[in-house]
């Protein structure tokens, strides 16, 4: 029997191209509001094509069936402050008092392992590069919470055994690629340097030793963009778009969109559609649902439609 798994965390050569984002002159879709909320809907998870669950960061969860919502009762208390609260959920068979850089996305892979992200918790010089500490990591566990015996650091003394990769800043988007089974993440950079990464066992993704971003104040974090033993992002954004929800569109509902990468932008308040070539280089960027608001999550329903969770507005469906 399937069950719901929640993580309430209290708590993250390069293929960037010269492609600029396009505002299409012709819009071949409409946007339908499915459910309204004045709060922050952080995650959507479909049960079937007519039913989904969603969380609000304030610590509430709802079930929506054919547009009607029911609040799920007896949700555990959460630490609600700034970026912290009730975050991602995953439907399928886990501190500190810092309120920054939670990361917090969950995804099962094809082998039944649960991957989840935790950001650097606002302590970039301590956590991301130290595998003896949590924070700034992607983790992999069995669905019963135990540690897989082939995790990359399971036999290393002092290491956190659940770590799968490290050197991350704040990964707020994650999906399983439906064709390859790979786990992809996006993560907030500082000022510039938001990234897309394909996650591999034991790899170091560099933060903060290498980055394409700078401090919010405009000062330099590091002059290094690459170093031996550290992975380059598949793609990076300059300027930052503040990416959140992340999804691969494996659907023929939308004309010529199948195979696109979808990324919610918190900063610019649109859904970004990226088209990649066979070598995973971004060759086209497009704004979808421009000015809809801060897109917190994007999910594809079982029948192939795009759903968006938008801060302080609600859940929307993109109808071709």
C-alpha atoms as a PDB file:
ATOM      1  CA  UNK A   1       0.000   0.000   0.000  1.00  0.00           C
ATOM      2  CA  UNK A   2       1.297   3.445  -0.839  1.00  0.00           C
ATOM      3  CA  UNK A   3       1.852   5.923   1.952  1.00  0.00           C
ATOM      4  CA  UNK A   4       2.613   9.585   2.380  1.00  0.00           C
ATOM      5  CA  UNK A   5       6.110  10.541   3.441  1.00  0.00           C
ATOM      6  CA  UNK A   6       6.680  14.021   4.877  1.00  0.00           C
ATOM      7  CA  UNK A   7       9.923  15.757   5.647  1.00  0.00           C
ATOM      8  CA  UNK A   8       9.489  18.678   8.034  1.00  0.00           C
ATOM      9  CA  UNK A   9      12.961  20.137   7.987  1.00  0.00           C
ATOM     10  CA  UNK A  10      14.004  22.982  10.157  1.00  0.00           C
ATOM     11  CA  UNK A  11      16.431  23.688   8.461  1.00  0.00           C
ATOM     12  CA  UNK A  12      20.871  24.572  -1.485  1.00  0.00           C
ATOM     13  CA  UNK A  13      33.020  23.194 -18.670  1.00  0.00           C
ATOM     14  CA  UNK A  14      29.730  24.891 -17.783  1.00  0.00           C
ATOM     15  CA  UNK A  15      26.775  24.854 -20.131  1.00  0.00           C
ATOM     16  CA  UNK A  16      25.560  28.396 -19.556  1.00  0.00           C
ATOM     17  CA  UNK A  17      24.756  29.881 -22.938  1.00  0.00           C
ATOM     18  CA  UNK A  18      24.074  33.271 -24.454  1.00  0.00           C
ATOM     19  CA  UNK A  19      20.415  32.425 -24.933  1.00  0.00           C
ATOM     20  CA  UNK A  20      18.186  35.235 -23.641  1.00  0.00           C
ATOM     21  CA  UNK A  21      14.678  34.532 -22.444  1.00  0.00           C
ATOM     22  CA  UNK A  22      11.878  35.190 -24.924  1.00  0.00           C
ATOM     23  CA  UNK A  23       8.454  36.675 -24.317  1.00  0.00           C
ATOM     24  CA  UNK A  24       6.321  34.919 -26.962  1.00  0.00           C
ATOM     25  CA  UNK A  25       4.201  37.125 -29.195  1.00  0.00           C
ATOM     26  CA  UNK A  26       1.550  34.403 -29.472  1.00  0.00           C
ATOM     27  CA  UNK A  27       0.071  32.678 -26.411  1.00  0.00           C
ATOM     28  CA  UNK A  28      -1.539  29.292 -27.128  1.00  0.00           C
ATOM     29  CA  UNK A  29      -2.729  28.499 -23.621  1.00  0.00           C
ATOM     30  CA  UNK A  30      -5.002  29.828 -20.893  1.00  0.00           C
ATOM     31  CA  UNK A  31      -4.475  29.812 -17.143  1.00  0.00           C
ATOM     32  CA  UNK A  32      -7.190  28.428 -14.893  1.00  0.00           C
ATOM     33  CA  UNK A  33      -7.219  28.992 -11.143  1.00  0.00           C
ATOM     34  CA  UNK A  34      -7.946  25.660  -9.459  1.00  0.00           C
ATOM     35  CA  UNK A  35      -7.706  26.680  -5.815  1.00  0.00           C
ATOM     36  CA  UNK A  36      -7.186  30.004  -4.035  1.00  0.00           C
ATOM     37  CA  UNK A  37      -5.079  30.721  -0.956  1.00  0.00           C
ATOM     38  CA  UNK A  38      -3.681  33.854   0.675  1.00  0.00           C
ATOM     39  CA  UNK A  39      -0.667  31.903   1.945  1.00  0.00           C
ATOM     40  CA  UNK A  40       2.423  30.231   0.415  1.00  0.00           C
ATOM     41  CA  UNK A  41       1.589  26.884  -1.262  1.00  0.00           C
ATOM     42  CA  UNK A  42       4.987  25.191  -1.194  1.00  0.00           C
ATOM     43  CA  UNK A  43       4.433  21.817  -2.838  1.00  0.00           C
ATOM     44  CA  UNK A  44       1.907  19.931  -4.989  1.00  0.00           C
ATOM     45  CA  UNK A  45       1.708  16.129  -5.137  1.00  0.00           C
ATOM     46  CA  UNK A  46      -0.825  14.263  -7.294  1.00  0.00           C
ATOM     47  CA  UNK A  47      -2.670  11.168  -6.060  1.00  0.00           C
ATOM     48  CA  UNK A  48      -4.556  10.747  -9.341  1.00  0.00           C
ATOM     49  CA  UNK A  49      -5.559  13.033 -12.198  1.00  0.00           C
ATOM     50  CA  UNK A  50      -8.446  14.523 -10.214  1.00  0.00           C
ATOM     51  CA  UNK A  51      -6.877  14.633  -6.751  1.00  0.00           C
ATOM     52  CA  UNK A  52      -3.800  16.308  -5.340  1.00  0.00           C
ATOM     53  CA  UNK A  53      -2.337  17.277  -2.005  1.00  0.00           C
ATOM     54  CA  UNK A  54      -0.608  20.565  -1.349  1.00  0.00           C
ATOM     55  CA  UNK A  55       1.252  22.057   1.577  1.00  0.00           C
ATOM     56  CA  UNK A  56       1.246  25.616   2.827  1.00  0.00           C
ATOM     57  CA  UNK A  57       4.469  26.772   4.417  1.00  0.00           C
ATOM     58  CA  UNK A  58       2.562  28.011   7.476  1.00  0.00           C
ATOM     59  CA  UNK A  59       2.088  24.355   8.495  1.00  0.00           C
ATOM     60  CA  UNK A  60      -1.122  23.224   6.836  1.00  0.00           C
ATOM     61  CA  UNK A  61      -1.869  20.578   4.212  1.00  0.00           C
ATOM     62  CA  UNK A  62      -4.933  20.203   2.015  1.00  0.00           C
ATOM     63  CA  UNK A  63      -6.463  17.593  -0.262  1.00  0.00           C
ATOM     64  CA  UNK A  64      -8.093  19.001  -3.403  1.00  0.00           C
ATOM     65  CA  UNK A  65     -10.531  16.851  -5.374  1.00  0.00           C
ATOM     66  CA  UNK A  66     -12.238  18.300  -8.459  1.00  0.00           C
ATOM     67  CA  UNK A  67     -11.623  21.802  -7.154  1.00  0.00           C
ATOM     68  CA  UNK A  68     -12.979  21.209  -3.640  1.00  0.00           C
ATOM     69  CA  UNK A  69     -10.472  21.307  -0.780  1.00  0.00           C
ATOM     70  CA  UNK A  70     -10.375  19.544   2.572  1.00  0.00           C
ATOM     71  CA  UNK A  71      -7.801  20.409   5.233  1.00  0.00           C
ATOM     72  CA  UNK A  72      -5.743  17.454   6.467  1.00  0.00           C
ATOM     73  CA  UNK A  73      -5.872  17.382  10.247  1.00  0.00           C
ATOM     74  CA  UNK A  74      -3.249  16.430  12.873  1.00  0.00           C
ATOM     75  CA  UNK A  75      -0.263  17.751  10.931  1.00  0.00           C
ATOM     76  CA  UNK A  76       2.739  17.987  13.315  1.00  0.00           C
ATOM     77  CA  UNK A  77       3.803  21.442  14.459  1.00  0.00           C
ATOM     78  CA  UNK A  78       6.500  23.043  12.302  1.00  0.00           C
ATOM     79  CA  UNK A  79       9.157  25.678  12.865  1.00  0.00           C
ATOM     80  CA  UNK A  80       7.742  28.623  10.882  1.00  0.00           C
ATOM     81  CA  UNK A  81      10.207  31.425  10.287  1.00  0.00           C
ATOM     82  CA  UNK A  82      11.331  33.155   7.085  1.00  0.00           C
ATOM     83  CA  UNK A  83      12.078  30.325   4.613  1.00  0.00           C
ATOM     84  CA  UNK A  84      11.272  27.563   7.112  1.00  0.00           C
ATOM     85  CA  UNK A  85       8.002  25.743   7.667  1.00  0.00           C
ATOM     86  CA  UNK A  86       6.101  22.837   6.112  1.00  0.00           C
ATOM     87  CA  UNK A  87       7.766  22.333   2.749  1.00  0.00           C
ATOM     88  CA  UNK A  88       7.851  19.458   0.270  1.00  0.00           C
ATOM     89  CA  UNK A  89       5.793  16.250   0.238  1.00  0.00           C
ATOM     90  CA  UNK A  90       6.269  13.046  -1.726  1.00  0.00           C
ATOM     91  CA  UNK A  91       3.649  10.373  -2.315  1.00  0.00           C
ATOM     92  CA  UNK A  92       5.101   6.833  -2.460  1.00  0.00           C
ATOM     93  CA  UNK A  93       5.884   3.006  -0.757  1.00  0.00           C
ATOM     94  CA  UNK A  94      13.274  12.924   8.037  1.00  0.00           C
ATOM     95  CA  UNK A  95      18.526  20.859  13.457  1.00  0.00           C
ATOM     96  CA  UNK A  96      19.081  23.979  13.876  1.00  0.00           C
ATOM     97  CA  UNK A  97      17.173  27.182  14.497  1.00  0.00           C
ATOM     98  CA  UNK A  98      18.452  29.029  11.419  1.00  0.00           C
ATOM     99  CA  UNK A  99      15.609  30.172   9.190  1.00  0.00           C
ATOM    100  CA  UNK A 100      17.604  30.333   5.926  1.00  0.00           C
ATOM    101  CA  UNK A 101      18.456  28.057   2.976  1.00  0.00           C
ATOM    102  CA  UNK A 102      16.307  25.051   3.702  1.00  0.00           C
ATOM    103  CA  UNK A 103      16.444  23.447   0.274  1.00  0.00           C
ATOM    104  CA  UNK A 104      13.822  20.807   1.014  1.00  0.00           C
ATOM    105  CA  UNK A 105      12.673  18.893  -2.029  1.00  0.00           C
ATOM    106  CA  UNK A 106      11.972  15.166  -2.137  1.00  0.00           C
ATOM    107  CA  UNK A 107      12.027  12.644  -4.971  1.00  0.00           C
ATOM    108  CA  UNK A 108      11.937   8.868  -5.301  1.00  0.00           C
ATOM    109  CA  UNK A 109      14.078   7.407  -8.055  1.00  0.00           C
ATOM    110  CA  UNK A 110      13.370   4.301 -10.152  1.00  0.00           C
ATOM    111  CA  UNK A 111      15.026   2.026  -7.585  1.00  0.00           C
ATOM    112  CA  UNK A 112      12.819   3.210  -4.720  1.00  0.00           C
ATOM    113  CA  UNK A 113      15.434   5.359  -2.973  1.00  0.00           C
ATOM    114  CA  UNK A 114      14.238   8.668  -1.526  1.00  0.00           C
ATOM    115  CA  UNK A 115      16.409  11.678  -2.353  1.00  0.00           C
ATOM    116  CA  UNK A 116      16.022  14.925  -0.441  1.00  0.00           C
ATOM    117  CA  UNK A 117      17.836  18.245  -0.287  1.00  0.00           C
ATOM    118  CA  UNK A 118      18.880  20.494   2.568  1.00  0.00           C
ATOM    119  CA  UNK A 119      20.477  23.877   1.885  1.00  0.00           C
ATOM    120  CA  UNK A 120      23.590  25.226   3.551  1.00  0.00           C
ATOM    121  CA  UNK A 121      21.446  26.727   6.351  1.00  0.00           C
ATOM    122  CA  UNK A 122      23.043  30.137   5.860  1.00  0.00           C
ATOM    123  CA  UNK A 123      26.474  28.855   6.930  1.00  0.00           C
ATOM    124  CA  UNK A 124      28.338  28.482   3.656  1.00  0.00           C
ATOM    125  CA  UNK A 125      31.831  28.391   5.164  1.00  0.00           C
ATOM    126  CA  UNK A 126      31.031  25.495   7.511  1.00  0.00           C
ATOM    127  CA  UNK A 127      28.478  23.085   6.113  1.00  0.00           C
ATOM    128  CA  UNK A 128      28.558  22.430   2.333  1.00  0.00           C
ATOM    129  CA  UNK A 129      32.140  21.166   2.014  1.00  0.00           C
ATOM    130  CA  UNK A 130      32.184  19.107   5.234  1.00  0.00           C
ATOM    131  CA  UNK A 131      30.653  15.637   4.898  1.00  0.00           C
ATOM    132  CA  UNK A 132      30.724  15.253   8.690  1.00  0.00           C
ATOM    133  CA  UNK A 133      28.069  17.990   8.916  1.00  0.00           C
ATOM    134  CA  UNK A 134      24.561  18.292   7.552  1.00  0.00           C
ATOM    135  CA  UNK A 135      23.564  21.174   5.278  1.00  0.00           C
ATOM    136  CA  UNK A 136      24.406  21.904   1.661  1.00  0.00           C
ATOM    137  CA  UNK A 137      23.794  18.297   0.684  1.00  0.00           C
ATOM    138  CA  UNK A 138      21.614  15.939  -1.359  1.00  0.00           C
ATOM    139  CA  UNK A 139      20.753  12.841   0.681  1.00  0.00           C
ATOM    140  CA  UNK A 140      19.651   9.331  -0.287  1.00  0.00           C
ATOM    141  CA  UNK A 141      17.827   6.949   2.049  1.00  0.00           C
ATOM    142  CA  UNK A 142      15.691   3.824   1.769  1.00  0.00           C
ATOM    143  CA  UNK A 143      11.965   4.397   2.005  1.00  0.00           C
ATOM    144  CA  UNK A 144      11.956   3.024   5.568  1.00  0.00           C
ATOM    145  CA  UNK A 145      14.513   5.649   6.608  1.00  0.00           C
ATOM    146  CA  UNK A 146      17.553   3.359   6.719  1.00  0.00           C
ATOM    147  CA  UNK A 147      20.802   4.135   4.890  1.00  0.00           C
ATOM    148  CA  UNK A 148      21.600   2.291   1.626  1.00  0.00           C
ATOM    149  CA  UNK A 149      24.768   0.263   2.019  1.00  0.00           C
ATOM    150  CA  UNK A 150      26.159   1.633  -1.261  1.00  0.00           C
ATOM    151  CA  UNK A 151      25.847   5.318  -0.356  1.00  0.00           C
ATOM    152  CA  UNK A 152      29.164   6.973  -1.249  1.00  0.00           C
ATOM    153  CA  UNK A 153      30.333   7.835   2.281  1.00  0.00           C
ATOM    154  CA  UNK A 154      28.791   4.967   4.219  1.00  0.00           C
ATOM    155  CA  UNK A 155      32.195   3.503   5.106  1.00  0.00           C
ATOM    156  CA  UNK A 156      33.966   6.802   5.772  1.00  0.00           C
ATOM    157  CA  UNK A 157      34.631   7.510   9.446  1.00  0.00           C
ATOM    158  CA  UNK A 158      32.761  10.538  10.787  1.00  0.00           C
ATOM    159  CA  UNK A 159      30.754  11.136   7.624  1.00  0.00           C
ATOM    160  CA  UNK A 160      26.991  11.574   7.538  1.00  0.00           C
ATOM    161  CA  UNK A 161      26.040   8.269   5.965  1.00  0.00           C
ATOM    162  CA  UNK A 162      22.933   9.547   4.179  1.00  0.00           C
ATOM    163  CA  UNK A 163      24.878  12.064   2.063  1.00  0.00           C
ATOM    164  CA  UNK A 164      24.756  11.346  -1.676  1.00  0.00           C
ATOM    165  CA  UNK A 165      26.372  14.572  -2.960  1.00  0.00           C
ATOM    166  CA  UNK A 166      27.647  17.772  -1.371  1.00  0.00           C
ATOM    167  CA  UNK A 167      28.786  21.336  -2.072  1.00  0.00           C
ATOM    168  CA  UNK A 168      25.242  22.627  -2.648  1.00  0.00           C
ATOM    169  CA  UNK A 169      23.875  26.019  -1.656  1.00  0.00           C
ATOM    170  CA  UNK A 170      20.066  25.887  -1.607  1.00  0.00           C
ATOM    171  CA  UNK A 171      18.447  23.291  -3.916  1.00  0.00           C
ATOM    172  CA  UNK A 172      14.737  24.149  -4.073  1.00  0.00           C
ATOM    173  CA  UNK A 173      13.814  22.161  -7.165  1.00  0.00           C
ATOM    174  CA  UNK A 174      14.226  18.470  -7.964  1.00  0.00           C
ATOM    175  CA  UNK A 175      12.806  15.938 -10.402  1.00  0.00           C
ATOM    176  CA  UNK A 176      13.455  12.431 -11.641  1.00  0.00           C
ATOM    177  CA  UNK A 177      14.070  12.518 -15.375  1.00  0.00           C
ATOM    178  CA  UNK A 178      11.342  10.251 -16.815  1.00  0.00           C
ATOM    179  CA  UNK A 179      13.530   8.981 -19.662  1.00  0.00           C
ATOM    180  CA  UNK A 180      16.923   8.515 -17.989  1.00  0.00           C
ATOM    181  CA  UNK A 181      15.954   8.069 -14.326  1.00  0.00           C
ATOM    182  CA  UNK A 182      18.550  10.684 -13.303  1.00  0.00           C
ATOM    183  CA  UNK A 183      17.921  13.056 -10.409  1.00  0.00           C
ATOM    184  CA  UNK A 184      18.105  16.712 -11.492  1.00  0.00           C
ATOM    185  CA  UNK A 185      18.139  19.710  -9.154  1.00  0.00           C
ATOM    186  CA  UNK A 186      18.074  23.453  -9.436  1.00  0.00           C
ATOM    187  CA  UNK A 187      19.418  25.667  -6.705  1.00  0.00           C
ATOM    188  CA  UNK A 188      19.570  29.292  -5.723  1.00  0.00           C
ATOM    189  CA  UNK A 189      22.879  30.974  -6.279  1.00  0.00           C
ATOM    190  CA  UNK A 190      23.686  34.126  -4.389  1.00  0.00           C
ATOM    191  CA  UNK A 191      23.509  37.198  -6.671  1.00  0.00           C
ATOM    192  CA  UNK A 192      23.820  35.360  -9.975  1.00  0.00           C
ATOM    193  CA  UNK A 193      24.822  31.755 -10.373  1.00  0.00           C
ATOM    194  CA  UNK A 194      21.557  29.864  -9.942  1.00  0.00           C
ATOM    195  CA  UNK A 195      22.298  26.350 -11.196  1.00  0.00           C
ATOM    196  CA  UNK A 196      20.898  23.209 -12.781  1.00  0.00           C
ATOM    197  CA  UNK A 197      22.764  20.036 -11.784  1.00  0.00           C
ATOM    198  CA  UNK A 198      22.441  16.327 -12.529  1.00  0.00           C
ATOM    199  CA  UNK A 199      23.192  14.591  -9.236  1.00  0.00           C
ATOM    200  CA  UNK A 200      25.824  11.844  -9.137  1.00  0.00           C
ATOM    201  CA  UNK A 201      27.019   9.717  -6.242  1.00  0.00           C
ATOM    202  CA  UNK A 202      29.776  11.250  -4.119  1.00  0.00           C
ATOM    203  CA  UNK A 203      30.267  14.331  -6.295  1.00  0.00           C
ATOM    204  CA  UNK A 204      31.213  17.776  -4.970  1.00  0.00           C
ATOM    205  CA  UNK A 205      29.209  20.572  -6.637  1.00  0.00           C
ATOM    206  CA  UNK A 206      31.551  23.245  -5.406  1.00  0.00           C
ATOM    207  CA  UNK A 207      29.697  25.726  -3.213  1.00  0.00           C
ATOM    208  CA  UNK A 208      31.176  28.049  -1.986  1.00  0.00           C
ATOM    209  CA  UNK A 209      34.640  27.207  -3.352  1.00  0.00           C
ATOM    210  CA  UNK A 210      33.425  27.828  -6.904  1.00  0.00           C
ATOM    211  CA  UNK A 211      30.441  29.892  -8.051  1.00  0.00           C
ATOM    212  CA  UNK A 212      29.252  32.074 -10.918  1.00  0.00           C
ATOM    213  CA  UNK A 213      27.594  34.422  -8.432  1.00  0.00           C
ATOM    214  CA  UNK A 214      28.652  37.211  -6.076  1.00  0.00           C
ATOM    215  CA  UNK A 215      27.467  38.362  -2.666  1.00  0.00           C
ATOM    216  CA  UNK A 216      24.162  40.225  -2.486  1.00  0.00           C
ATOM    217  CA  UNK A 217      26.182  43.311  -1.516  1.00  0.00           C
ATOM    218  CA  UNK A 218      28.112  43.091  -4.797  1.00  0.00           C
ATOM    219  CA  UNK A 219      31.375  41.900  -3.273  1.00  0.00           C
ATOM    220  CA  UNK A 220      33.293  38.839  -4.493  1.00  0.00           C
ATOM    221  CA  UNK A 221      32.767  35.402  -2.926  1.00  0.00           C
ATOM    222  CA  UNK A 222      35.574  33.781  -4.901  1.00  0.00           C
ATOM    223  CA  UNK A 223      37.284  34.348  -8.213  1.00  0.00           C
ATOM    224  CA  UNK A 224      37.227  30.617  -8.944  1.00  0.00           C
ATOM    225  CA  UNK A 225      34.647  29.330 -11.400  1.00  0.00           C
ATOM    226  CA  UNK A 226      36.114  25.831 -11.527  1.00  0.00           C
ATOM    227  CA  UNK A 227      38.515  23.757  -9.451  1.00  0.00           C
ATOM    228  CA  UNK A 228      39.781  20.169  -9.741  1.00  0.00           C
ATOM    229  CA  UNK A 229      37.392  17.610  -8.285  1.00  0.00           C
ATOM    230  CA  UNK A 230      34.368  19.929  -8.387  1.00  0.00           C
ATOM    231  CA  UNK A 231      31.431  19.587 -10.758  1.00  0.00           C
ATOM    232  CA  UNK A 232      30.310  22.243 -13.225  1.00  0.00           C
ATOM    233  CA  UNK A 233      26.583  22.998 -13.442  1.00  0.00           C
ATOM    234  CA  UNK A 234      24.692  21.832 -16.486  1.00  0.00           C
ATOM    235  CA  UNK A 235      23.410  25.420 -16.741  1.00  0.00           C
ATOM    236  CA  UNK A 236      23.553  28.611 -14.705  1.00  0.00           C
ATOM    237  CA  UNK A 237      21.574  31.836 -14.705  1.00  0.00           C
ATOM    238  CA  UNK A 238      23.080  35.320 -14.564  1.00  0.00           C
ATOM    239  CA  UNK A 239      21.203  37.303 -13.390  1.00  0.00           C
ATOM    240  CA  UNK A 240      19.495  35.018 -10.909  1.00  0.00           C
ATOM    241  CA  UNK A 241      15.854  34.089 -11.446  1.00  0.00           C
ATOM    242  CA  UNK A 242      15.463  32.584  -7.925  1.00  0.00           C
ATOM    243  CA  UNK A 243      14.404  29.097  -9.126  1.00  0.00           C
ATOM    244  CA  UNK A 244      12.026  26.959  -7.118  1.00  0.00           C
ATOM    245  CA  UNK A 245       9.731  24.254  -8.550  1.00  0.00           C
ATOM    246  CA  UNK A 246      11.361  22.104 -11.241  1.00  0.00           C
ATOM    247  CA  UNK A 247       9.862  19.596 -13.659  1.00  0.00           C
ATOM    248  CA  UNK A 248      10.457  17.739 -16.913  1.00  0.00           C
ATOM    249  CA  UNK A 249       7.493  17.975 -19.279  1.00  0.00           C
ATOM    250  CA  UNK A 250       6.869  14.468 -20.571  1.00  0.00           C
ATOM    251  CA  UNK A 251       3.495  15.256 -22.118  1.00  0.00           C
ATOM    252  CA  UNK A 252       2.031  15.810 -25.574  1.00  0.00           C
ATOM    253  CA  UNK A 253      -0.793  18.034 -24.301  1.00  0.00           C
ATOM    254  CA  UNK A 254       1.086  21.188 -25.269  1.00  0.00           C
ATOM    255  CA  UNK A 255       2.084  21.910 -28.854  1.00  0.00           C
ATOM    256  CA  UNK A 256       5.828  21.476 -29.388  1.00  0.00           C
ATOM    257  CA  UNK A 257       6.595  21.625 -25.631  1.00  0.00           C
ATOM    258  CA  UNK A 258       7.251  17.943 -24.972  1.00  0.00           C
ATOM    259  CA  UNK A 259      10.690  17.424 -23.465  1.00  0.00           C
ATOM    260  CA  UNK A 260      10.959  20.950 -22.082  1.00  0.00           C
ATOM    261  CA  UNK A 261      12.400  21.753 -18.667  1.00  0.00           C
ATOM    262  CA  UNK A 262      10.066  23.861 -16.506  1.00  0.00           C
ATOM    263  CA  UNK A 263      11.392  26.123 -13.727  1.00  0.00           C
ATOM    264  CA  UNK A 264       9.411  28.400 -11.435  1.00  0.00           C
ATOM    265  CA  UNK A 265      10.923  31.867 -10.959  1.00  0.00           C
ATOM    266  CA  UNK A 266      10.288  33.501  -7.608  1.00  0.00           C
ATOM    267  CA  UNK A 267      12.092  36.712  -8.560  1.00  0.00           C
ATOM    268  CA  UNK A 268      10.566  37.389 -11.977  1.00  0.00           C
ATOM    269  CA  UNK A 269       7.161  35.801 -11.311  1.00  0.00           C
ATOM    270  CA  UNK A 270       6.847  33.490 -14.301  1.00  0.00           C
ATOM    271  CA  UNK A 271       7.331  29.870 -15.288  1.00  0.00           C
ATOM    272  CA  UNK A 272      10.446  29.469 -17.414  1.00  0.00           C
ATOM    273  CA  UNK A 273      10.487  26.884 -20.213  1.00  0.00           C
ATOM    274  CA  UNK A 274      13.914  25.739 -21.355  1.00  0.00           C
ATOM    275  CA  UNK A 275      14.640  23.650 -24.443  1.00  0.00           C
ATOM    276  CA  UNK A 276      17.809  21.544 -24.407  1.00  0.00           C
ATOM    277  CA  UNK A 277      19.673  19.967 -27.275  1.00  0.00           C
ATOM    278  CA  UNK A 278      20.884  16.360 -27.309  1.00  0.00           C
ATOM    279  CA  UNK A 279      23.986  17.356 -25.317  1.00  0.00           C
ATOM    280  CA  UNK A 280      21.893  19.048 -22.603  1.00  0.00           C
ATOM    281  CA  UNK A 281      22.857  22.552 -23.730  1.00  0.00           C
ATOM    282  CA  UNK A 282      20.126  25.161 -23.325  1.00  0.00           C
ATOM    283  CA  UNK A 283      19.200  26.447 -26.767  1.00  0.00           C
ATOM    284  CA  UNK A 284      15.963  28.327 -26.031  1.00  0.00           C
ATOM    285  CA  UNK A 285      14.305  30.036 -23.054  1.00  0.00           C
ATOM    286  CA  UNK A 286      10.722  31.231 -22.888  1.00  0.00           C
ATOM    287  CA  UNK A 287       8.441  32.930 -20.359  1.00  0.00           C
ATOM    288  CA  UNK A 288       5.210  31.078 -19.593  1.00  0.00           C
ATOM    289  CA  UNK A 289       2.446  32.539 -17.412  1.00  0.00           C
ATOM    290  CA  UNK A 290       4.293  35.847 -17.239  1.00  0.00           C
ATOM    291  CA  UNK A 291       3.496  37.985 -14.152  1.00  0.00           C
ATOM    292  CA  UNK A 292       1.433  35.216 -12.553  1.00  0.00           C
ATOM    293  CA  UNK A 293       3.328  35.660  -9.276  1.00  0.00           C
ATOM    294  CA  UNK A 294       6.075  33.877  -7.339  1.00  0.00           C
ATOM    295  CA  UNK A 295       5.952  30.342  -8.784  1.00  0.00           C
ATOM    296  CA  UNK A 296       6.794  28.068  -5.853  1.00  0.00           C
ATOM    297  CA  UNK A 297       6.148  24.661  -7.430  1.00  0.00           C
ATOM    298  CA  UNK A 298       5.367  23.113 -10.806  1.00  0.00           C
ATOM    299  CA  UNK A 299       4.018  19.576 -11.272  1.00  0.00           C
ATOM    300  CA  UNK A 300       2.689  17.510 -14.161  1.00  0.00           C
ATOM    301  CA  UNK A 301      -0.594  15.750 -13.443  1.00  0.00           C
ATOM    302  CA  UNK A 302      -1.034  12.064 -14.332  1.00  0.00           C
ATOM    303  CA  UNK A 303      -3.005  13.128 -17.420  1.00  0.00           C
ATOM    304  CA  UNK A 304      -0.227  15.468 -18.584  1.00  0.00           C
ATOM    305  CA  UNK A 305      -1.280  18.976 -17.538  1.00  0.00           C
ATOM    306  CA  UNK A 306       0.956  21.607 -15.941  1.00  0.00           C
ATOM    307  CA  UNK A 307      -0.018  22.810 -12.452  1.00  0.00           C
ATOM    308  CA  UNK A 308       1.584  25.735 -10.634  1.00  0.00           C
ATOM    309  CA  UNK A 309       1.639  26.708  -6.966  1.00  0.00           C
ATOM    310  CA  UNK A 310       1.908  30.496  -6.658  1.00  0.00           C
ATOM    311  CA  UNK A 311       2.676  32.358  -3.437  1.00  0.00           C
ATOM    312  CA  UNK A 312      -0.326  34.095  -1.855  1.00  0.00           C
ATOM    313  CA  UNK A 313      -2.549  33.249  -4.829  1.00  0.00           C
ATOM    314  CA  UNK A 314      -3.159  29.533  -5.125  1.00  0.00           C
ATOM    315  CA  UNK A 315      -2.970  26.571  -7.504  1.00  0.00           C
ATOM    316  CA  UNK A 316      -3.252  27.130 -11.257  1.00  0.00           C
ATOM    317  CA  UNK A 317      -3.588  24.864 -14.291  1.00  0.00           C
ATOM    318  CA  UNK A 318      -2.153  25.719 -17.696  1.00  0.00           C
ATOM    319  CA  UNK A 319      -4.733  24.687 -20.286  1.00  0.00           C
ATOM    320  CA  UNK A 320      -3.589  24.317 -23.919  1.00  0.00           C
END
